[in-house]
Amino acid sequence: MTYTFARISAALALKVGDYQTRGQLTWLRLREKGGQIIDLPCHHQLKHYLDAYIAAAGLSGQRQKWRAVPLAGRQVSYFPAIRADAYGK
């Protein structure tokens, strides 16, 4: 994930509801191994990317997982991202 250090499994397990604004900061809630939950502040550029993605994908206010964006096309999938999408295969 851009501007954040996260395991690939933790990043793919993110739901739209895990992207939260508290005060003036925006946070990502990651679910790590062993059920550990880590809240990480978002870089300001990552916030812009995620806001644009949520608006383009029509995910505002939903608690589902992020959708995959195929490399060949720019159309957003209706299915959650999987490891193969993250590795670009």
C-alpha atoms as a PDB file:
ATOM      1  CA  MET A   1       0.000   0.000   0.000  1.00  0.00           C
ATOM      2  CA  THR A   2       1.362   3.385  -0.982  1.00  0.00           C
ATOM      3  CA  TYR A   3       2.882   5.460   1.841  1.00  0.00           C
ATOM      4  CA  THR A   4       2.121   2.779   4.443  1.00  0.00           C
ATOM      5  CA  PHE A   5       3.994  -0.264   5.657  1.00  0.00           C
ATOM      6  CA  ALA A   6       1.530  -3.133   5.866  1.00  0.00           C
ATOM      7  CA  ARG A   7       1.605  -6.836   5.174  1.00  0.00           C
ATOM      8  CA  ILE A   8      -0.155  -7.691   1.933  1.00  0.00           C
ATOM      9  CA  SER A   9      -2.766  -9.769   3.786  1.00  0.00           C
ATOM     10  CA  ALA A  10      -3.528  -6.899   6.172  1.00  0.00           C
ATOM     11  CA  ALA A  11      -3.869  -4.451   3.286  1.00  0.00           C
ATOM     12  CA  LEU A  12      -6.182  -6.787   1.329  1.00  0.00           C
ATOM     13  CA  ALA A  13      -8.344  -7.384   4.419  1.00  0.00           C
ATOM     14  CA  LEU A  14      -9.089  -3.655   4.727  1.00  0.00           C
ATOM     15  CA  LYS A  15     -12.688  -2.586   4.435  1.00  0.00           C
ATOM     16  CA  VAL A  16     -13.903   0.858   3.463  1.00  0.00           C
ATOM     17  CA  GLY A  17     -15.018   1.347   7.081  1.00  0.00           C
ATOM     18  CA  ASP A  18     -11.391   0.869   8.210  1.00  0.00           C
ATOM     19  CA  TYR A  19     -10.582   4.216   6.592  1.00  0.00           C
ATOM     20  CA  GLN A  20     -11.622   6.759   9.225  1.00  0.00           C
ATOM     21  CA  THR A  21     -11.234  10.446   9.939  1.00  0.00           C
ATOM     22  CA  ARG A  22     -10.709  11.415  13.559  1.00  0.00           C
ATOM     23  CA  GLY A  23     -10.226  15.095  14.191  1.00  0.00           C
ATOM     24  CA  GLN A  24      -7.934  16.377  11.465  1.00  0.00           C
ATOM     25  CA  LEU A  25      -6.132  13.070  10.865  1.00  0.00           C
ATOM     26  CA  THR A  26      -7.194  10.149   8.713  1.00  0.00           C
ATOM     27  CA  TRP A  27      -6.436   6.619   9.923  1.00  0.00           C
ATOM     28  CA  LEU A  28      -6.314   3.085   8.541  1.00  0.00           C
ATOM     29  CA  ARG A  29      -7.223   0.215  10.855  1.00  0.00           C
ATOM     30  CA  LEU A  30      -5.158  -2.860   9.928  1.00  0.00           C
ATOM     31  CA  ARG A  31      -5.912  -6.370  11.164  1.00  0.00           C
ATOM     32  CA  GLU A  32      -2.605  -8.149  11.587  1.00  0.00           C
ATOM     33  CA  LYS A  33      -1.622 -11.698  12.477  1.00  0.00           C
ATOM     34  CA  GLY A  34      -3.025 -13.041  15.724  1.00  0.00           C
ATOM     35  CA  GLY A  35      -5.994 -10.664  15.687  1.00  0.00           C
ATOM     36  CA  GLN A  36      -3.847  -7.658  16.507  1.00  0.00           C
ATOM     37  CA  ILE A  37      -5.414  -4.357  15.387  1.00  0.00           C
ATOM     38  CA  ILE A  38      -3.128  -1.481  14.442  1.00  0.00           C
ATOM     39  CA  ASP A  39      -4.311   2.047  13.686  1.00  0.00           C
ATOM     40  CA  LEU A  40      -1.940   3.886  11.341  1.00  0.00           C
ATOM     41  CA  PRO A  41      -2.216   7.549  10.371  1.00  0.00           C
ATOM     42  CA  CYS A  42      -2.537   8.137   6.619  1.00  0.00           C
ATOM     43  CA  HIS A  43      -0.047  10.153   4.655  1.00  0.00           C
ATOM     44  CA  HIS A  44      -1.780  13.185   3.122  1.00  0.00           C
ATOM     45  CA  GLN A  45      -1.149  11.890  -0.424  1.00  0.00           C
ATOM     46  CA  LEU A  46      -2.593   8.474   0.450  1.00  0.00           C
ATOM     47  CA  LYS A  47      -5.702  10.245   1.760  1.00  0.00           C
ATOM     48  CA  HIS A  48      -6.148  11.979  -1.612  1.00  0.00           C
ATOM     49  CA  TYR A  49      -5.718   8.667  -3.484  1.00  0.00           C
ATOM     50  CA  LEU A  50      -8.206   6.823  -1.267  1.00  0.00           C
ATOM     51  CA  ASP A  51     -10.783   9.637  -1.395  1.00  0.00           C
ATOM     52  CA  ALA A  52     -10.596   9.657  -5.210  1.00  0.00           C
ATOM     53  CA  TYR A  53     -10.863   5.851  -5.358  1.00  0.00           C
ATOM     54  CA  ILE A  54     -13.884   5.756  -3.023  1.00  0.00           C
ATOM     55  CA  ALA A  55     -15.641   8.414  -5.109  1.00  0.00           C
ATOM     56  CA  ALA A  56     -14.856   6.693  -8.453  1.00  0.00           C
ATOM     57  CA  ALA A  57     -15.868   3.233  -7.216  1.00  0.00           C
ATOM     58  CA  GLY A  58     -19.049   4.449  -5.541  1.00  0.00           C
ATOM     59  CA  LEU A  59     -18.036   2.951  -2.179  1.00  0.00           C
ATOM     60  CA  SER A  60     -18.854   5.940   0.019  1.00  0.00           C
ATOM     61  CA  GLY A  61     -20.389   4.940   3.339  1.00  0.00           C
ATOM     62  CA  GLN A  62     -20.117   1.199   2.691  1.00  0.00           C
ATOM     63  CA  ARG A  63     -18.437  -1.365   4.914  1.00  0.00           C
ATOM     64  CA  GLN A  64     -17.353  -3.759   2.187  1.00  0.00           C
ATOM     65  CA  LYS A  65     -13.841  -4.565   1.038  1.00  0.00           C
ATOM     66  CA  TRP A  66     -11.991  -2.467  -1.514  1.00  0.00           C
ATOM     67  CA  ARG A  67     -12.605  -3.524  -5.086  1.00  0.00           C
ATOM     68  CA  ALA A  68      -9.917  -4.595  -7.506  1.00  0.00           C
ATOM     69  CA  VAL A  69      -8.807  -2.403 -10.399  1.00  0.00           C
ATOM     70  CA  PRO A  70      -7.455  -4.518 -13.292  1.00  0.00           C
ATOM     71  CA  LEU A  71      -4.089  -3.459 -14.689  1.00  0.00           C
ATOM     72  CA  ALA A  72      -5.174  -3.767 -18.330  1.00  0.00           C
ATOM     73  CA  GLY A  73      -8.294  -1.648 -17.946  1.00  0.00           C
ATOM     74  CA  ARG A  74      -9.313   1.131 -15.647  1.00  0.00           C
ATOM     75  CA  GLN A  75     -12.755  -0.200 -14.788  1.00  0.00           C
ATOM     76  CA  VAL A  76     -13.346  -1.062 -11.134  1.00  0.00           C
ATOM     77  CA  SER A  77     -14.329  -4.662 -10.445  1.00  0.00           C
ATOM     78  CA  TYR A  78     -17.303  -5.633  -8.287  1.00  0.00           C
ATOM     79  CA  PHE A  79     -15.182  -8.194  -6.460  1.00  0.00           C
ATOM     80  CA  PRO A  80     -12.714  -7.662  -3.587  1.00  0.00           C
ATOM     81  CA  ALA A  81      -9.012  -7.545  -4.395  1.00  0.00           C
ATOM     82  CA  ILE A  82      -7.007 -10.757  -4.021  1.00  0.00           C
ATOM     83  CA  ARG A  83      -3.266 -11.412  -3.796  1.00  0.00           C
ATOM     84  CA  ALA A  84      -2.905 -11.861  -7.573  1.00  0.00           C
ATOM     85  CA  ASP A  85      -4.367  -8.366  -8.096  1.00  0.00           C
ATOM     86  CA  ALA A  86      -1.897  -6.907  -5.615  1.00  0.00           C
ATOM     87  CA  TYR A  87       1.082  -8.546  -7.298  1.00  0.00           C
ATOM     88  CA  GLY A  88      -0.073  -7.506 -10.749  1.00  0.00           C
ATOM     89  CA  LYS A  89      -0.376 -11.042 -12.146  1.00  0.00           C
END
